Amino acid sequence: MRFRFGLPVLQLVATILLAWAPWVPGAHEFDVVLRDGREFKGWTILPNEEAFDAAAWAQSVNLPTILFEIPADLAIDAIAKEPTIPDPRMRFTLFSVLGLICWYFVGRLVEDVLQFHETRILPRMKGSDLAFAVDGALVSAIAVVVSIFGHPFVPVLAYWACAWFIVTFGALSIRLAQYVQYRKATPSF
């Protein structure tokens, strides 16, 4: 099976479920009453944050992408010409789109592990695999330290940080083993 394409598809399905949030009925509806008594009723794309924080779940499921989401937030602030609180819809979208790339690299890791299990030979490493492993390991290590010693404002982030810590440090160890194996195999002149 092609995990490098299958896992991003699963992440896309999970993103759609997070945006839909069928387990929280009425979370997409809003009702605003103005001072003059007029009332507005409507429907939002993401559920309201009090009922279900879809942006926090998107961040948790795609944690290694935070290094790329922060510059995007800063660019949005520069365009707006005033510092703003990051819009949950924008954060959800950024984490979901960047998460496709993240899960692509996780899929490549799974394929490499399965190939090693069958052949007992580590496949050749690509530089982007090592970069993802280092990025993910740094982000997840910081998130785990904050979760243990700090007070995570979103509990789901603490749980996913631990899961990402295991995945990314496993990826880092495999990618470093690949680097060492092929570094030794390359003759030096």
C-alpha atoms as a PDB file:
ATOM      1  CA  MET A   1       0.000   0.000   0.000  1.00  0.00           C
ATOM      2  CA  ARG A   2       1.161   3.517  -0.707  1.00  0.00           C
ATOM      3  CA  PHE A   3       1.206   5.126   2.722  1.00  0.00           C
ATOM      4  CA  ARG A   4       2.753   8.325   1.378  1.00  0.00           C
ATOM      5  CA  PHE A   5      -0.530   9.024  -0.422  1.00  0.00           C
ATOM      6  CA  GLY A   6      -2.922   7.131   1.842  1.00  0.00           C
ATOM      7  CA  LEU A   7      -2.110   8.982   5.071  1.00  0.00           C
ATOM      8  CA  PRO A   8      -2.661  12.463   3.565  1.00  0.00           C
ATOM      9  CA  VAL A   9      -6.046  11.268   2.274  1.00  0.00           C
ATOM     10  CA  LEU A  10      -6.932  10.047   5.778  1.00  0.00           C
ATOM     11  CA  GLN A  11      -5.795  13.403   7.169  1.00  0.00           C
ATOM     12  CA  LEU A  12      -8.053  15.153   4.666  1.00  0.00           C
ATOM     13  CA  VAL A  13     -11.008  13.028   5.771  1.00  0.00           C
ATOM     14  CA  ALA A  14     -10.176  13.817   9.415  1.00  0.00           C
ATOM     15  CA  THR A  15     -10.018  17.522   8.568  1.00  0.00           C
ATOM     16  CA  ILE A  16     -13.448  17.385   6.969  1.00  0.00           C
ATOM     17  CA  LEU A  17     -14.799  15.618  10.065  1.00  0.00           C
ATOM     18  CA  LEU A  18     -13.226  18.246  12.337  1.00  0.00           C
ATOM     19  CA  ALA A  19     -14.818  21.030  10.319  1.00  0.00           C
ATOM     20  CA  TRP A  20     -18.179  19.266  10.213  1.00  0.00           C
ATOM     21  CA  ALA A  21     -18.149  18.153  13.890  1.00  0.00           C
ATOM     22  CA  PRO A  22     -21.278  15.992  13.714  1.00  0.00           C
ATOM     23  CA  TRP A  23     -20.846  15.041  17.402  1.00  0.00           C
ATOM     24  CA  VAL A  24     -21.635  18.642  18.435  1.00  0.00           C
ATOM     25  CA  PRO A  25     -25.106  19.411  17.056  1.00  0.00           C
ATOM     26  CA  GLY A  26     -25.824  23.096  16.631  1.00  0.00           C
ATOM     27  CA  ALA A  27     -22.175  24.128  16.917  1.00  0.00           C
ATOM     28  CA  HIS A  28     -22.221  25.747  13.468  1.00  0.00           C
ATOM     29  CA  GLU A  29     -25.218  27.939  14.141  1.00  0.00           C
ATOM     30  CA  PHE A  30     -25.003  31.449  15.495  1.00  0.00           C
ATOM     31  CA  ASP A  31     -27.612  33.876  16.717  1.00  0.00           C
ATOM     32  CA  VAL A  32     -26.743  37.549  17.203  1.00  0.00           C
ATOM     33  CA  VAL A  33     -29.133  40.122  18.656  1.00  0.00           C
ATOM     34  CA  LEU A  34     -28.234  43.773  18.049  1.00  0.00           C
ATOM     35  CA  ARG A  35     -28.994  46.662  20.421  1.00  0.00           C
ATOM     36  CA  ASP A  36     -31.936  47.790  18.361  1.00  0.00           C
ATOM     37  CA  GLY A  37     -33.541  44.338  18.657  1.00  0.00           C
ATOM     38  CA  ARG A  38     -32.686  43.012  15.193  1.00  0.00           C
ATOM     39  CA  GLU A  39     -31.630  39.400  15.156  1.00  0.00           C
ATOM     40  CA  PHE A  40     -29.237  37.621  12.816  1.00  0.00           C
ATOM     41  CA  LYS A  41     -29.155  33.859  12.517  1.00  0.00           C
ATOM     42  CA  GLY A  42     -26.653  32.023  10.414  1.00  0.00           C
ATOM     43  CA  TRP A  43     -24.257  29.184   9.961  1.00  0.00           C
ATOM     44  CA  THR A  44     -20.443  29.151  10.102  1.00  0.00           C
ATOM     45  CA  ILE A  45     -17.981  26.867   8.372  1.00  0.00           C
ATOM     46  CA  LEU A  46     -16.182  25.909  11.586  1.00  0.00           C
ATOM     47  CA  PRO A  47     -18.007  25.095  14.813  1.00  0.00           C
ATOM     48  CA  ASN A  48     -17.858  27.788  17.494  1.00  0.00           C
ATOM     49  CA  GLU A  49     -14.854  27.497  19.789  1.00  0.00           C
ATOM     50  CA  GLU A  50     -16.911  27.053  22.957  1.00  0.00           C
ATOM     51  CA  ALA A  51     -18.567  23.915  21.568  1.00  0.00           C
ATOM     52  CA  PHE A  52     -15.566  22.399  19.774  1.00  0.00           C
ATOM     53  CA  ASP A  53     -12.169  23.951  19.024  1.00  0.00           C
ATOM     54  CA  ALA A  54     -11.510  22.620  15.531  1.00  0.00           C
ATOM     55  CA  ALA A  55      -8.403  24.800  15.090  1.00  0.00           C
ATOM     56  CA  ALA A  56      -6.786  23.281  18.198  1.00  0.00           C
ATOM     57  CA  TRP A  57      -7.529  19.782  16.926  1.00  0.00           C
ATOM     58  CA  ALA A  58      -6.090  20.645  13.501  1.00  0.00           C
ATOM     59  CA  GLN A  59      -2.970  21.973  15.213  1.00  0.00           C
ATOM     60  CA  SER A  60      -2.667  18.846  17.351  1.00  0.00           C
ATOM     61  CA  VAL A  61      -3.137  16.379  14.506  1.00  0.00           C
ATOM     62  CA  ASN A  62      -0.604  18.276  12.364  1.00  0.00           C
ATOM     63  CA  LEU A  63       1.781  19.454  15.108  1.00  0.00           C
ATOM     64  CA  PRO A  64       5.075  19.428  13.117  1.00  0.00           C
ATOM     65  CA  THR A  65       3.652  22.014  10.721  1.00  0.00           C
ATOM     66  CA  ILE A  66       3.667  24.736  13.388  1.00  0.00           C
ATOM     67  CA  LEU A  67       7.110  25.959  12.264  1.00  0.00           C
ATOM     68  CA  PHE A  68       5.542  26.847   8.917  1.00  0.00           C
ATOM     69  CA  GLU A  69       2.260  28.150  10.316  1.00  0.00           C
ATOM     70  CA  ILE A  70       3.877  30.811  12.522  1.00  0.00           C
ATOM     71  CA  PRO A  71       5.523  32.687   9.595  1.00  0.00           C
ATOM     72  CA  ALA A  72       2.183  32.557   7.764  1.00  0.00           C
ATOM     73  CA  ASP A  73       0.498  34.174  10.787  1.00  0.00           C
ATOM     74  CA  LEU A  74       3.196  36.854  10.838  1.00  0.00           C
ATOM     75  CA  ALA A  75       2.739  37.495   7.108  1.00  0.00           C
ATOM     76  CA  ILE A  76      -1.004  37.864   7.599  1.00  0.00           C
ATOM     77  CA  ASP A  77      -0.347  40.369  10.405  1.00  0.00           C
ATOM     78  CA  ALA A  78       2.041  42.320   8.131  1.00  0.00           C
ATOM     79  CA  ILE A  79      -0.569  42.479   5.391  1.00  0.00           C
ATOM     80  CA  ALA A  80      -3.212  43.614   7.896  1.00  0.00           C
ATOM     81  CA  LYS A  81      -0.761  46.287   9.159  1.00  0.00           C
ATOM     82  CA  GLU A  82      -1.831  45.681  12.733  1.00  0.00           C
ATOM     83  CA  PRO A  83      -1.256  42.773  15.086  1.00  0.00           C
ATOM     84  CA  THR A  84      -4.335  40.634  15.398  1.00  0.00           C
ATOM     85  CA  ILE A  85      -5.313  37.466  17.180  1.00  0.00           C
ATOM     86  CA  PRO A  86      -4.904  34.638  14.662  1.00  0.00           C
ATOM     87  CA  ASP A  87      -8.239  33.840  13.088  1.00  0.00           C
ATOM     88  CA  PRO A  88      -9.292  30.265  13.962  1.00  0.00           C
ATOM     89  CA  ARG A  89     -10.536  29.677  10.413  1.00  0.00           C
ATOM     90  CA  MET A  90      -7.184  30.714   8.971  1.00  0.00           C
ATOM     91  CA  ARG A  91      -5.253  28.609  11.477  1.00  0.00           C
ATOM     92  CA  PHE A  92      -7.495  25.620  10.767  1.00  0.00           C
ATOM     93  CA  THR A  93      -6.947  26.014   7.026  1.00  0.00           C
ATOM     94  CA  LEU A  94      -3.169  26.479   7.345  1.00  0.00           C
ATOM     95  CA  PHE A  95      -2.740  23.499   9.638  1.00  0.00           C
ATOM     96  CA  SER A  96      -4.958  21.351   7.437  1.00  0.00           C
ATOM     97  CA  VAL A  97      -3.187  22.211   4.178  1.00  0.00           C
ATOM     98  CA  LEU A  98       0.307  21.997   5.652  1.00  0.00           C
ATOM     99  CA  GLY A  99      -0.741  18.795   7.403  1.00  0.00           C
ATOM    100  CA  LEU A 100      -1.043  17.073   4.034  1.00  0.00           C
ATOM    101  CA  ILE A 101       2.719  17.504   3.591  1.00  0.00           C
ATOM    102  CA  CYS A 102       3.363  16.401   7.160  1.00  0.00           C
ATOM    103  CA  TRP A 103       1.394  13.187   6.750  1.00  0.00           C
ATOM    104  CA  TYR A 104       3.059  12.570   3.379  1.00  0.00           C
ATOM    105  CA  PHE A 105       6.408  12.395   5.192  1.00  0.00           C
ATOM    106  CA  VAL A 106       4.944  10.115   7.858  1.00  0.00           C
ATOM    107  CA  GLY A 107       3.710   7.856   5.057  1.00  0.00           C
ATOM    108  CA  ARG A 108       7.188   7.771   3.541  1.00  0.00           C
ATOM    109  CA  LEU A 109       8.558   6.810   6.933  1.00  0.00           C
ATOM    110  CA  VAL A 110       6.086   3.934   7.227  1.00  0.00           C
ATOM    111  CA  GLU A 111       7.000   2.726   3.730  1.00  0.00           C
ATOM    112  CA  ASP A 112      10.716   2.816   4.578  1.00  0.00           C
ATOM    113  CA  VAL A 113      10.137   0.872   7.803  1.00  0.00           C
ATOM    114  CA  LEU A 114       8.080  -1.757   5.951  1.00  0.00           C
ATOM    115  CA  GLN A 115      10.739  -2.037   3.238  1.00  0.00           C
ATOM    116  CA  PHE A 116      13.420  -2.469   5.906  1.00  0.00           C
ATOM    117  CA  HIS A 117      11.294  -5.131   7.601  1.00  0.00           C
ATOM    118  CA  GLU A 118      11.051  -7.090   4.328  1.00  0.00           C
ATOM    119  CA  THR A 119      14.604  -6.686   2.989  1.00  0.00           C
ATOM    120  CA  ARG A 120      16.688  -5.846   6.095  1.00  0.00           C
ATOM    121  CA  ILE A 121      18.248  -3.038   4.062  1.00  0.00           C
ATOM    122  CA  LEU A 122      17.492   0.586   4.847  1.00  0.00           C
ATOM    123  CA  PRO A 123      16.322   2.441   1.744  1.00  0.00           C
ATOM    124  CA  ARG A 124      18.246   5.490   0.639  1.00  0.00           C
ATOM    125  CA  MET A 125      17.366   8.621   2.593  1.00  0.00           C
ATOM    126  CA  LYS A 126      16.268  11.864   1.005  1.00  0.00           C
ATOM    127  CA  GLY A 127      17.314  15.179   2.527  1.00  0.00           C
ATOM    128  CA  SER A 128      13.710  16.277   2.932  1.00  0.00           C
ATOM    129  CA  ASP A 129      13.013  13.210   5.098  1.00  0.00           C
ATOM    130  CA  LEU A 130      15.785  14.189   7.500  1.00  0.00           C
ATOM    131  CA  ALA A 131      14.588  17.815   7.528  1.00  0.00           C
ATOM    132  CA  PHE A 132      11.052  16.712   8.442  1.00  0.00           C
ATOM    133  CA  ALA A 133      12.369  14.406  11.164  1.00  0.00           C
ATOM    134  CA  VAL A 134      14.475  17.186  12.724  1.00  0.00           C
ATOM    135  CA  ASP A 135      11.603  19.702  12.472  1.00  0.00           C
ATOM    136  CA  GLY A 136       9.090  17.288  13.960  1.00  0.00           C
ATOM    137  CA  ALA A 137      11.420  16.183  16.741  1.00  0.00           C
ATOM    138  CA  LEU A 138      12.149  19.776  17.800  1.00  0.00           C
ATOM    139  CA  VAL A 139       8.507  20.864  17.749  1.00  0.00           C
ATOM    140  CA  SER A 140       7.218  17.773  19.533  1.00  0.00           C
ATOM    141  CA  ALA A 141       9.965  17.919  22.177  1.00  0.00           C
ATOM    142  CA  ILE A 142       9.086  21.531  22.971  1.00  0.00           C
ATOM    143  CA  ALA A 143       5.375  20.686  23.042  1.00  0.00           C
ATOM    144  CA  VAL A 144       5.961  17.753  25.415  1.00  0.00           C
ATOM    145  CA  VAL A 145       8.097  19.880  27.758  1.00  0.00           C
ATOM    146  CA  VAL A 146       5.415  22.574  27.812  1.00  0.00           C
ATOM    147  CA  SER A 147       2.750  19.929  28.408  1.00  0.00           C
ATOM    148  CA  ILE A 148       4.632  18.378  31.321  1.00  0.00           C
ATOM    149  CA  PHE A 149       6.042  21.455  33.036  1.00  0.00           C
ATOM    150  CA  GLY A 150       3.625  24.125  31.880  1.00  0.00           C
ATOM    151  CA  HIS A 151      -0.087  24.349  31.638  1.00  0.00           C
ATOM    152  CA  PRO A 152      -1.269  23.464  28.143  1.00  0.00           C
ATOM    153  CA  PHE A 153      -4.261  25.596  27.327  1.00  0.00           C
ATOM    154  CA  VAL A 154      -5.602  22.797  25.116  1.00  0.00           C
ATOM    155  CA  PRO A 155      -5.447  19.316  26.684  1.00  0.00           C
ATOM    156  CA  VAL A 156      -5.758  17.575  23.306  1.00  0.00           C
ATOM    157  CA  LEU A 157      -2.492  19.230  22.285  1.00  0.00           C
ATOM    158  CA  ALA A 158      -0.717  17.571  25.217  1.00  0.00           C
ATOM    159  CA  TYR A 159      -1.882  14.105  24.159  1.00  0.00           C
ATOM    160  CA  TRP A 160      -0.997  14.592  20.518  1.00  0.00           C
ATOM    161  CA  ALA A 161       2.368  16.109  21.496  1.00  0.00           C
ATOM    162  CA  CYS A 162       3.269  12.828  23.216  1.00  0.00           C
ATOM    163  CA  ALA A 163       2.196  10.818  20.163  1.00  0.00           C
ATOM    164  CA  TRP A 164       4.154  13.099  17.820  1.00  0.00           C
ATOM    165  CA  PHE A 165       7.168  12.870  20.145  1.00  0.00           C
ATOM    166  CA  ILE A 166       7.250   9.089  19.684  1.00  0.00           C
ATOM    167  CA  VAL A 167       6.671   9.262  15.917  1.00  0.00           C
ATOM    168  CA  THR A 168       9.152  12.032  15.173  1.00  0.00           C
ATOM    169  CA  PHE A 169      11.959  10.741  17.367  1.00  0.00           C
ATOM    170  CA  GLY A 170      11.473   7.319  15.771  1.00  0.00           C
ATOM    171  CA  ALA A 171      11.680   9.036  12.389  1.00  0.00           C
ATOM    172  CA  LEU A 172      14.778  10.941  13.449  1.00  0.00           C
ATOM    173  CA  SER A 173      16.545   7.777  14.618  1.00  0.00           C
ATOM    174  CA  ILE A 174      15.705   5.940  11.377  1.00  0.00           C
ATOM    175  CA  ARG A 175      16.768   8.893   9.210  1.00  0.00           C
ATOM    176  CA  LEU A 176      20.042   9.268  11.121  1.00  0.00           C
ATOM    177  CA  ALA A 177      20.671   5.521  10.710  1.00  0.00           C
ATOM    178  CA  GLN A 178      20.092   5.914   6.980  1.00  0.00           C
ATOM    179  CA  TYR A 179      22.453   8.870   6.865  1.00  0.00           C
ATOM    180  CA  VAL A 180      25.189   6.970   8.693  1.00  0.00           C
ATOM    181  CA  GLN A 181      24.711   3.834   6.579  1.00  0.00           C
ATOM    182  CA  TYR A 182      24.994   5.639   3.268  1.00  0.00           C
ATOM    183  CA  ARG A 183      27.726   7.955   4.511  1.00  0.00           C
ATOM    184  CA  LYS A 184      29.864   4.897   5.274  1.00  0.00           C
ATOM    185  CA  ALA A 185      29.005   3.339   1.909  1.00  0.00           C
ATOM    186  CA  THR A 186      30.129   6.423  -0.022  1.00  0.00           C
ATOM    187  CA  PRO A 187      33.860   6.308  -0.753  1.00  0.00           C
ATOM    188  CA  SER A 188      35.780   9.449   0.141  1.00  0.00           C
ATOM    189  CA  PHE A 189      38.339  10.770  -2.291  1.00  0.00           C
END
